[in-house]
Amino acid sequence: MLDTLLQKLGETRSCVEEALTARSPLQQYDEVEKDLREKWEDELTAAIEAEYRRQRAEALLLVPMVAARRVAAHPGGGQKIC
């Protein structure tokens, strides 16, 4: 389950990066002043991180529900043997 979650989070980050980079002014304007370009790069980095964290938090809220379903599907699976 953890492997699947980590894979999904990696895909989410890539998707967020692609989507926000495509909409960034950095992709629309080639010739801008160095200071403005750096500002846009910093803002893009911050926007990517914020959106990824939002989506990650949303995904992590689902983990307890998925885990509960797995335990319910396998009665006795949560009991210790020793």
N, C-alpha and C. Protein backbone atom coordinates (compact mmCIF):
# COMPACT_ATOMS: atom_id res chain seq x y z
N MET A 1 0.83 -1.19 0.00
CA MET A 1 0.00 0.00 0.00
C MET A 1 0.88 1.26 0.00
N LEU A 2 1.96 1.23 0.75
CA LEU A 2 2.84 2.39 0.82
C LEU A 2 3.51 2.66 -0.52
N ASP A 3 3.91 1.60 -1.20
CA ASP A 3 4.52 1.76 -2.53
C ASP A 3 3.56 2.44 -3.50
N THR A 4 2.32 2.03 -3.45
CA THR A 4 1.30 2.62 -4.33
C THR A 4 1.11 4.09 -4.00
N LEU A 5 1.05 4.40 -2.72
CA LEU A 5 0.89 5.79 -2.29
C LEU A 5 2.06 6.65 -2.75
N LEU A 6 3.28 6.16 -2.55
CA LEU A 6 4.46 6.92 -2.96
C LEU A 6 4.51 7.12 -4.48
N GLN A 7 4.12 6.09 -5.21
CA GLN A 7 4.08 6.22 -6.67
C GLN A 7 3.05 7.26 -7.09
N LYS A 8 1.87 7.21 -6.48
CA LYS A 8 0.81 8.17 -6.80
C LYS A 8 1.25 9.60 -6.46
N LEU A 9 1.92 9.77 -5.32
CA LEU A 9 2.39 11.11 -4.95
C LEU A 9 3.44 11.62 -5.93
N GLY A 10 4.31 10.74 -6.41
CA GLY A 10 5.30 11.13 -7.41
C GLY A 10 4.63 11.58 -8.71
N GLU A 11 3.59 10.83 -9.11
CA GLU A 11 2.85 11.20 -10.32
C GLU A 11 2.13 12.53 -10.12
N THR A 12 1.61 12.73 -8.94
CA THR A 12 0.91 13.98 -8.63
C THR A 12 1.86 15.16 -8.74
N ARG A 13 3.05 15.02 -8.17
CA ARG A 13 4.03 16.11 -8.21
C ARG A 13 4.40 16.44 -9.66
N SER A 14 4.64 15.42 -10.46
CA SER A 14 4.99 15.64 -11.87
C SER A 14 3.86 16.34 -12.61
N CYS A 15 2.65 15.91 -12.36
CA CYS A 15 1.49 16.51 -13.02
C CYS A 15 1.34 17.98 -12.62
N VAL A 16 1.50 18.27 -11.35
CA VAL A 16 1.40 19.65 -10.86
C VAL A 16 2.48 20.51 -11.50
N GLU A 17 3.71 20.00 -11.53
CA GLU A 17 4.82 20.74 -12.14
C GLU A 17 4.54 21.05 -13.61
N GLU A 18 4.10 20.05 -14.35
CA GLU A 18 3.81 20.25 -15.78
C GLU A 18 2.71 21.28 -15.99
N ALA A 19 1.63 21.15 -15.24
CA ALA A 19 0.47 22.03 -15.43
C ALA A 19 0.81 23.48 -15.08
N LEU A 20 1.46 23.68 -13.95
CA LEU A 20 1.76 25.05 -13.53
C LEU A 20 2.88 25.67 -14.36
N THR A 21 3.83 24.88 -14.78
CA THR A 21 4.90 25.39 -15.64
C THR A 21 4.33 25.83 -16.99
N ALA A 22 3.40 25.06 -17.52
CA ALA A 22 2.80 25.40 -18.81
C ALA A 22 2.03 26.72 -18.75
N ARG A 23 1.44 27.02 -17.60
CA ARG A 23 0.66 28.26 -17.44
C ARG A 23 1.50 29.43 -16.97
N SER A 24 2.74 29.19 -16.67
CA SER A 24 3.62 30.23 -16.12
C SER A 24 3.96 31.29 -17.17
N PRO A 25 4.12 32.53 -16.72
CA PRO A 25 4.56 33.58 -17.65
C PRO A 25 5.95 33.28 -18.22
N LEU A 26 6.71 32.43 -17.56
CA LEU A 26 8.03 32.05 -18.07
C LEU A 26 7.92 31.37 -19.44
N GLN A 27 6.81 30.69 -19.67
CA GLN A 27 6.60 30.01 -20.95
C GLN A 27 6.04 30.95 -22.01
N GLN A 28 5.50 32.07 -21.58
CA GLN A 28 4.85 32.99 -22.52
C GLN A 28 5.76 34.11 -22.99
N TYR A 29 6.70 34.49 -22.15
CA TYR A 29 7.56 35.64 -22.47
C TYR A 29 9.02 35.22 -22.41
N ASP A 30 9.69 35.32 -23.54
CA ASP A 30 11.09 34.91 -23.61
C ASP A 30 12.03 36.00 -23.12
N GLU A 31 11.75 37.21 -23.51
CA GLU A 31 12.68 38.31 -23.20
C GLU A 31 12.13 39.16 -22.05
N VAL A 32 12.60 38.84 -20.85
CA VAL A 32 12.22 39.62 -19.67
C VAL A 32 13.49 39.93 -18.88
N GLU A 33 13.40 40.93 -18.05
CA GLU A 33 14.56 41.30 -17.24
C GLU A 33 14.91 40.17 -16.28
N LYS A 34 16.17 40.11 -15.94
CA LYS A 34 16.68 39.04 -15.08
C LYS A 34 15.93 39.00 -13.74
N ASP A 35 15.72 40.16 -13.13
CA ASP A 35 15.04 40.21 -11.84
C ASP A 35 13.61 39.68 -11.92
N LEU A 36 12.93 40.06 -12.97
CA LEU A 36 11.55 39.60 -13.16
C LEU A 36 11.51 38.09 -13.41
N ARG A 37 12.45 37.60 -14.22
CA ARG A 37 12.53 36.16 -14.48
C ARG A 37 12.76 35.39 -13.18
N GLU A 38 13.68 35.88 -12.34
CA GLU A 38 13.96 35.21 -11.06
C GLU A 38 12.73 35.23 -10.15
N LYS A 39 12.01 36.35 -10.16
CA LYS A 39 10.79 36.46 -9.36
C LYS A 39 9.76 35.43 -9.83
N TRP A 40 9.56 35.34 -11.13
CA TRP A 40 8.61 34.38 -11.68
C TRP A 40 9.03 32.94 -11.37
N GLU A 41 10.34 32.67 -11.43
CA GLU A 41 10.82 31.33 -11.11
C GLU A 41 10.54 30.99 -9.65
N ASP A 42 10.80 31.95 -8.76
CA ASP A 42 10.53 31.73 -7.33
C ASP A 42 9.04 31.52 -7.08
N GLU A 43 8.22 32.32 -7.75
CA GLU A 43 6.77 32.18 -7.59
C GLU A 43 6.27 30.85 -8.13
N LEU A 44 6.83 30.41 -9.24
CA LEU A 44 6.45 29.12 -9.81
C LEU A 44 6.83 27.99 -8.86
N THR A 45 8.02 28.04 -8.32
CA THR A 45 8.46 27.02 -7.37
C THR A 45 7.54 26.98 -6.16
N ALA A 46 7.19 28.13 -5.63
CA ALA A 46 6.30 28.20 -4.48
C ALA A 46 4.90 27.69 -4.82
N ALA A 47 4.41 28.03 -6.00
CA ALA A 47 3.08 27.58 -6.42
C ALA A 47 3.03 26.06 -6.59
N ILE A 48 4.08 25.51 -7.17
CA ILE A 48 4.17 24.05 -7.35
C ILE A 48 4.16 23.37 -5.99
N GLU A 49 4.97 23.86 -5.08
CA GLU A 49 5.06 23.26 -3.75
C GLU A 49 3.73 23.36 -3.01
N ALA A 50 3.08 24.49 -3.08
CA ALA A 50 1.81 24.69 -2.38
C ALA A 50 0.72 23.76 -2.93
N GLU A 51 0.63 23.67 -4.24
CA GLU A 51 -0.40 22.82 -4.84
C GLU A 51 -0.11 21.35 -4.58
N TYR A 52 1.16 20.96 -4.66
CA TYR A 52 1.52 19.57 -4.36
C TYR A 52 1.17 19.24 -2.91
N ARG A 53 1.50 20.11 -1.98
CA ARG A 53 1.19 19.86 -0.58
C ARG A 53 -0.31 19.77 -0.34
N ARG A 54 -1.08 20.59 -1.03
CA ARG A 54 -2.54 20.53 -0.90
C ARG A 54 -3.07 19.18 -1.38
N GLN A 55 -2.60 18.75 -2.54
CA GLN A 55 -3.07 17.47 -3.08
C GLN A 55 -2.55 16.29 -2.25
N ARG A 56 -1.34 16.41 -1.74
CA ARG A 56 -0.78 15.35 -0.88
C ARG A 56 -1.60 15.21 0.39
N ALA A 57 -1.94 16.34 1.01
CA ALA A 57 -2.74 16.31 2.23
C ALA A 57 -4.10 15.66 1.96
N GLU A 58 -4.69 16.00 0.82
CA GLU A 58 -5.97 15.41 0.44
C GLU A 58 -5.85 13.89 0.28
N ALA A 59 -4.77 13.44 -0.35
CA ALA A 59 -4.56 12.01 -0.55
C ALA A 59 -4.31 11.30 0.78
N LEU A 60 -3.57 11.94 1.66
CA LEU A 60 -3.26 11.31 2.95
C LEU A 60 -4.48 11.20 3.85
N LEU A 61 -5.47 12.03 3.63
CA LEU A 61 -6.72 11.91 4.38
C LEU A 61 -7.45 10.60 4.06
N LEU A 62 -7.20 10.06 2.87
CA LEU A 62 -7.85 8.83 2.43
C LEU A 62 -7.18 7.58 2.97
N VAL A 63 -5.94 7.68 3.42
CA VAL A 63 -5.18 6.50 3.85
C VAL A 63 -5.89 5.73 4.97
N PRO A 64 -6.37 6.39 6.03
CA PRO A 64 -7.04 5.62 7.07
C PRO A 64 -8.28 4.87 6.57
N MET A 65 -9.01 5.46 5.63
CA MET A 65 -10.19 4.80 5.08
C MET A 65 -9.80 3.55 4.29
N VAL A 66 -8.77 3.65 3.50
CA VAL A 66 -8.30 2.51 2.70
C VAL A 66 -7.79 1.41 3.63
N ALA A 67 -7.04 1.80 4.64
CA ALA A 67 -6.50 0.82 5.59
C ALA A 67 -7.65 0.12 6.32
N ALA A 68 -8.66 0.85 6.72
CA ALA A 68 -9.80 0.26 7.42
C ALA A 68 -10.53 -0.74 6.52
N ARG A 69 -10.65 -0.42 5.25
CA ARG A 69 -11.30 -1.34 4.31
C ARG A 69 -10.50 -2.62 4.16
N ARG A 70 -9.19 -2.49 4.13
CA ARG A 70 -8.35 -3.69 4.00
C ARG A 70 -8.50 -4.59 5.21
N VAL A 71 -8.52 -4.01 6.40
CA VAL A 71 -8.68 -4.79 7.62
C VAL A 71 -10.05 -5.45 7.64
N ALA A 72 -11.08 -4.72 7.24
CA ALA A 72 -12.43 -5.27 7.20
C ALA A 72 -12.55 -6.39 6.17
N ALA A 73 -11.81 -6.30 5.10
CA ALA A 73 -11.86 -7.32 4.06
C ALA A 73 -11.14 -8.60 4.47
N HIS A 74 -10.23 -8.50 5.44
CA HIS A 74 -9.46 -9.66 5.89
C HIS A 74 -9.62 -9.78 7.42
N PRO A 75 -10.75 -10.33 7.88
CA PRO A 75 -10.98 -10.44 9.32
C PRO A 75 -9.85 -11.22 9.99
N GLY A 76 -9.45 -10.74 11.12
CA GLY A 76 -8.35 -11.36 11.85
C GLY A 76 -6.99 -10.94 11.37
N GLY A 77 -6.94 -10.15 10.33
CA GLY A 77 -5.66 -9.71 9.77
C GLY A 77 -4.93 -8.76 10.68
N GLY A 78 -5.64 -8.10 11.58
CA GLY A 78 -5.01 -7.16 12.48
C GLY A 78 -4.61 -7.77 13.81
N GLN A 79 -4.89 -9.07 14.01
CA GLN A 79 -4.59 -9.72 15.29
C GLN A 79 -3.14 -10.21 15.30
N LYS A 80 -2.54 -10.11 16.48
CA LYS A 80 -1.19 -10.63 16.63
C LYS A 80 -1.25 -12.13 16.86
N ILE A 81 -0.28 -12.83 16.32
CA ILE A 81 -0.21 -14.28 16.50
C ILE A 81 0.48 -14.62 17.80
N CYS A 82 1.52 -13.89 18.11
CA CYS A 82 2.28 -14.14 19.34
C CYS A 82 2.14 -13.01 20.33
